[in-house]
């Protein structure tokens, strides 16, 4: 019995030290915990309370999140991480990706209605981030600043890899509109999907997600990314606890 409690305690210590992400002195307006997407599943995060998020010419906010286990896409297919909706414009804009077997990760920003246009007149804006391994957590920062979108990325706990991919899209501001919903894997409650090439969503694990009502500095991005990646000691504790627990079950 003592061995069982010891295993649970050690595993709990490891998990408590390794999950979630944060920025000192800055609270997230919305957060989401670990979720695994298999390429067909999806869910939503409703945005209304405690605060609304504007997508107008004065709106400033950042989605910060860490993903892992990204599945490679085939040919020219594009997988989707999320879209966000407003009351008047469904599936307004979002972030997609293309990942080759060799580790070339192309991040894609796009949407339906830049400046009141259509999907056909709003092509994807892309930028390639080389050297990505599916086993390495990738922290992404999707920043909306007065109608201009930029994406920053950092690999694991290597702060030297922090890369800001600026001005991937512009003209995404809509007067008087607020974000009402964030659709992970591009699904919304009515079952609609944001149609990337071939309509796929891709496979990935969302480790953590936080939306801040501010444009993050690079120092804040690094702090968030580092807090999202498990410390080696924490990971070891979790594995040790799991090992003890499994050994005890085998003996039983």
Protein backbone atom coordinates (compact mmCIF):
# COMPACT_ATOMS: atom_id res chain seq x y z
CA UNK A 1 0.00 0.00 0.00
CA UNK A 2 2.82 2.41 0.85
CA UNK A 3 4.44 1.66 -2.50
CA UNK A 4 1.24 2.57 -4.31
CA UNK A 5 0.94 5.88 -2.50
CA UNK A 6 4.62 6.64 -3.16
CA UNK A 7 4.18 6.01 -6.88
CA UNK A 8 1.09 8.22 -7.07
CA UNK A 9 2.84 10.97 -5.09
CA UNK A 10 5.94 10.92 -7.31
CA UNK A 11 3.86 10.93 -10.50
CA UNK A 12 1.75 13.79 -9.17
CA UNK A 13 4.85 15.79 -8.31
CA UNK A 14 6.16 15.33 -11.82
CA UNK A 15 2.87 16.31 -13.47
CA UNK A 16 2.37 19.33 -11.24
CA UNK A 17 5.73 20.66 -12.33
CA UNK A 18 5.37 19.97 -16.02
CA UNK A 19 1.91 20.99 -17.24
CA UNK A 20 0.52 24.39 -18.18
CA UNK A 21 2.22 27.62 -19.12
CA UNK A 22 2.25 31.11 -17.69
CA UNK A 23 3.70 34.61 -17.80
CA UNK A 24 4.63 36.29 -14.53
CA UNK A 25 2.34 39.23 -13.76
CA UNK A 26 0.05 38.62 -16.75
CA UNK A 27 -3.18 36.64 -16.46
CA UNK A 28 -4.78 34.93 -19.42
CA UNK A 29 -8.32 35.94 -20.32
CA UNK A 30 -9.06 32.42 -21.61
CA UNK A 31 -7.25 29.11 -21.19
CA UNK A 32 -7.58 25.54 -22.42
CA UNK A 33 -5.90 22.39 -21.15
CA UNK A 34 -4.31 19.43 -22.89
CA UNK A 35 -6.38 18.03 -25.78
CA UNK A 36 -5.52 15.41 -28.41
CA UNK A 37 -6.92 15.85 -31.93
CA UNK A 38 -6.93 12.86 -34.29
CA UNK A 39 -7.51 14.75 -37.53
CA UNK A 40 -11.30 14.48 -37.41
CA UNK A 41 -12.27 15.64 -33.91
CA UNK A 42 -12.68 19.24 -32.83
CA UNK A 43 -14.07 21.43 -30.08
CA UNK A 44 -14.59 25.08 -29.21
CA UNK A 45 -13.77 27.75 -26.68
CA UNK A 46 -16.54 30.33 -26.24
CA UNK A 47 -15.35 33.93 -25.91
CA UNK A 48 -17.70 36.30 -24.12
CA UNK A 49 -17.09 36.31 -20.37
CA UNK A 50 -15.09 37.51 -18.45
CA UNK A 51 -14.18 39.78 -21.39
CA UNK A 52 -14.87 40.28 -25.07
CA UNK A 53 -12.08 40.24 -27.65
CA UNK A 54 -12.29 42.76 -30.48
CA UNK A 55 -11.30 42.11 -34.08
CA UNK A 56 -11.41 45.77 -35.02
CA UNK A 57 -8.76 48.42 -35.73
CA UNK A 58 -8.10 48.88 -32.00
CA UNK A 59 -7.95 45.19 -31.06
CA UNK A 60 -4.71 43.83 -29.58
CA UNK A 61 -4.36 40.28 -28.27
CA UNK A 62 -2.17 37.18 -28.44
CA UNK A 63 -3.01 33.47 -28.52
CA UNK A 64 -0.13 31.53 -26.95
CA UNK A 65 -0.09 27.75 -27.12
CA UNK A 66 2.18 24.72 -27.27
CA UNK A 67 1.61 21.76 -29.57
CA UNK A 68 3.35 18.41 -29.98
CA UNK A 69 2.90 15.23 -31.99
CA UNK A 70 2.09 17.06 -35.21
CA UNK A 71 1.32 14.61 -37.98
CA UNK A 72 2.96 15.05 -41.38
CA UNK A 73 0.64 16.28 -44.12
CA UNK A 74 0.69 14.73 -47.56
CA UNK A 75 1.27 16.49 -50.87
CA UNK A 76 -0.17 20.01 -50.71
CA UNK A 77 -2.68 19.25 -47.95
CA UNK A 78 -3.01 21.76 -45.12
CA UNK A 79 -3.84 20.78 -41.55
CA UNK A 80 -5.65 23.25 -39.28
CA UNK A 81 -4.90 24.19 -35.68
CA UNK A 82 -7.72 26.66 -35.08
CA UNK A 83 -10.02 29.31 -36.48
CA UNK A 84 -11.87 32.08 -34.69
CA UNK A 85 -15.42 33.26 -35.31
CA UNK A 86 -17.42 36.44 -34.92
CA UNK A 87 -21.15 36.89 -34.81
CA UNK A 88 -21.34 38.15 -38.39
CA UNK A 89 -18.37 36.34 -39.98
CA UNK A 90 -18.17 32.62 -39.34
CA UNK A 91 -14.71 31.02 -39.42
CA UNK A 92 -13.14 34.44 -39.86
CA UNK A 93 -9.48 33.49 -39.78
CA UNK A 94 -7.13 30.83 -38.46
CA UNK A 95 -3.80 29.06 -38.44
CA UNK A 96 -2.90 26.02 -40.51
CA UNK A 97 0.25 24.05 -41.22
CA UNK A 98 2.05 21.83 -43.71
CA UNK A 99 4.65 19.40 -42.35
CA UNK A 100 6.96 17.26 -44.47
CA UNK A 101 8.58 14.03 -43.33
CA UNK A 102 11.94 15.82 -43.43
CA UNK A 103 10.79 18.39 -40.85
CA UNK A 104 9.94 21.46 -42.94
CA UNK A 105 7.02 23.08 -41.14
CA UNK A 106 5.11 25.75 -43.06
CA UNK A 107 2.79 27.87 -40.94
CA UNK A 108 -0.22 29.28 -42.76
CA UNK A 109 -2.43 32.21 -41.84
CA UNK A 110 -5.59 32.76 -43.81
CA UNK A 111 -9.28 33.45 -43.70
CA UNK A 112 -12.52 34.05 -45.48
CA UNK A 113 -13.15 37.75 -45.41
CA UNK A 114 -10.19 40.11 -45.36
CA UNK A 115 -11.66 43.51 -46.10
CA UNK A 116 -15.03 41.93 -46.89
CA UNK A 117 -13.61 39.61 -49.52
CA UNK A 118 -14.21 35.91 -50.09
CA UNK A 119 -12.13 32.79 -49.52
CA UNK A 120 -10.98 32.91 -53.13
CA UNK A 121 -9.74 36.49 -52.76
CA UNK A 122 -8.09 35.81 -49.39
CA UNK A 123 -5.18 33.47 -50.19
CA UNK A 124 -3.10 31.79 -47.50
CA UNK A 125 -0.01 33.62 -46.29
CA UNK A 126 2.80 31.18 -45.46
CA UNK A 127 6.22 31.01 -43.86
CA UNK A 128 8.46 27.94 -43.47
CA UNK A 129 10.07 27.04 -40.15
CA UNK A 130 12.76 24.37 -40.76
CA UNK A 131 14.08 21.70 -38.43
CA UNK A 132 10.84 20.73 -36.68
CA UNK A 133 10.63 17.30 -35.04
CA UNK A 134 7.21 15.99 -34.03
CA UNK A 135 8.73 14.85 -30.72
CA UNK A 136 9.75 18.42 -29.85
CA UNK A 137 7.09 20.75 -28.40
CA UNK A 138 6.45 23.79 -30.57
CA UNK A 139 5.18 26.97 -28.94
CA UNK A 140 3.27 29.34 -31.20
CA UNK A 141 2.16 32.92 -30.68
CA UNK A 142 -0.63 34.20 -32.89
CA UNK A 143 -0.83 37.97 -32.47
CA UNK A 144 -3.65 40.21 -33.65
CA UNK A 145 -2.63 43.87 -33.58
CA UNK A 146 -5.02 46.39 -35.11
CA UNK A 147 -5.96 44.09 -37.98
CA UNK A 148 -2.48 42.72 -38.71
CA UNK A 149 -1.65 39.12 -37.83
CA UNK A 150 1.82 37.82 -37.03
CA UNK A 151 3.01 34.43 -35.86
CA UNK A 152 6.04 33.63 -33.72
CA UNK A 153 7.40 30.16 -33.05
CA UNK A 154 9.89 28.59 -30.64
CA UNK A 155 11.19 25.01 -30.59
CA UNK A 156 11.21 23.29 -27.20
CA UNK A 157 13.25 25.15 -24.60
CA UNK A 158 15.76 26.56 -27.11
CA UNK A 159 15.21 30.32 -26.83
CA UNK A 160 17.56 30.95 -29.77
CA UNK A 161 14.94 29.45 -32.11
CA UNK A 162 12.31 32.09 -31.30
CA UNK A 163 11.35 33.43 -34.71
CA UNK A 164 8.79 36.13 -35.41
CA UNK A 165 7.08 35.73 -38.76
CA UNK A 166 5.67 39.22 -39.12
CA UNK A 167 2.84 40.52 -41.25
CA UNK A 168 1.63 37.17 -42.53
CA UNK A 169 -1.75 38.72 -43.12
CA UNK A 170 -3.37 42.12 -42.89
CA UNK A 171 -6.74 43.69 -43.30
CA UNK A 172 -8.33 41.22 -40.87
CA UNK A 173 -10.06 43.98 -38.90
CA UNK A 174 -13.84 44.29 -38.79
CA UNK A 175 -15.44 47.37 -37.29
CA UNK A 176 -17.77 46.67 -34.38
CA UNK A 177 -17.05 42.92 -34.36
CA UNK A 178 -15.87 40.76 -31.45
CA UNK A 179 -14.46 37.26 -31.44
CA UNK A 180 -17.19 34.92 -30.25
CA UNK A 181 -15.62 31.49 -30.56
CA UNK A 182 -12.27 29.76 -31.12
CA UNK A 183 -12.61 26.49 -33.05
CA UNK A 184 -9.79 24.04 -32.40
CA UNK A 185 -9.21 21.74 -35.36
CA UNK A 186 -11.46 24.19 -37.20
CA UNK A 187 -14.74 22.74 -35.99
CA UNK A 188 -17.55 24.89 -34.69
CA UNK A 189 -20.73 24.02 -32.80
CA UNK A 190 -22.82 23.94 -35.96
CA UNK A 191 -20.50 21.35 -37.49
CA UNK A 192 -19.05 23.65 -40.12
CA UNK A 193 -15.37 23.49 -41.02
CA UNK A 194 -13.07 26.07 -42.45
CA UNK A 195 -12.15 24.58 -45.83
CA UNK A 196 -8.41 24.30 -46.27
CA UNK A 197 -7.16 22.44 -49.35
CA UNK A 198 -8.84 19.03 -49.37
CA UNK A 199 -10.71 19.92 -46.18
CA UNK A 200 -8.46 18.09 -43.70
CA UNK A 201 -7.61 19.16 -40.15
CA UNK A 202 -4.42 17.26 -39.33
CA UNK A 203 -3.30 15.46 -36.18
CA UNK A 204 -1.72 17.13 -33.15
CA UNK A 205 -1.77 17.44 -29.39
CA UNK A 206 -2.62 20.80 -27.85
CA UNK A 207 -0.51 20.87 -24.68
CA UNK A 208 -1.84 24.20 -23.41
CA UNK A 209 -3.55 27.33 -24.72
CA UNK A 210 -3.85 30.85 -23.31
CA UNK A 211 -5.30 34.02 -24.80
CA UNK A 212 -3.89 37.31 -23.50
CA UNK A 213 -5.43 40.73 -24.11
CA UNK A 214 -2.04 42.18 -25.00
CA UNK A 215 0.66 41.94 -27.65
CA UNK A 216 3.38 39.88 -25.97
CA UNK A 217 7.00 41.01 -25.96
CA UNK A 218 9.71 38.58 -27.03
CA UNK A 219 10.77 38.18 -23.39
CA UNK A 220 7.21 37.24 -22.47
CA UNK A 221 7.08 34.78 -25.33
CA UNK A 222 10.27 33.11 -24.14
CA UNK A 223 8.95 32.95 -20.57
CA UNK A 224 5.71 31.36 -21.73
CA UNK A 225 7.45 28.82 -23.96
CA UNK A 226 9.92 27.81 -21.24
CA UNK A 227 7.15 27.35 -18.69
CA UNK A 228 5.24 25.15 -21.13
CA UNK A 229 8.08 22.67 -21.67
CA UNK A 230 8.46 20.04 -18.90
CA UNK A 231 11.58 20.38 -16.79
CA UNK A 232 13.82 17.28 -17.12
CA UNK A 233 13.51 16.61 -13.39
CA UNK A 234 9.72 16.84 -13.54
CA UNK A 235 9.53 14.47 -16.49
CA UNK A 236 11.83 12.02 -14.70
CA UNK A 237 9.67 12.11 -11.57
CA UNK A 238 6.57 11.37 -13.60
CA UNK A 239 8.21 8.42 -15.36
CA UNK A 240 9.63 7.09 -12.08
CA UNK A 241 6.21 7.18 -10.46
CA UNK A 242 4.63 5.44 -13.46
CA UNK A 243 7.36 2.79 -13.43
CA UNK A 244 6.88 2.01 -9.74
CA UNK A 245 3.12 1.81 -10.23
CA UNK A 246 3.42 -0.58 -13.19
CA UNK A 247 5.94 -2.78 -11.34
CA UNK A 248 3.58 -3.04 -8.40
CA UNK A 249 0.64 -4.01 -10.68
CA UNK A 250 2.79 -6.67 -12.40
CA UNK A 251 3.75 -8.22 -9.06
CA UNK A 252 0.13 -8.22 -8.00
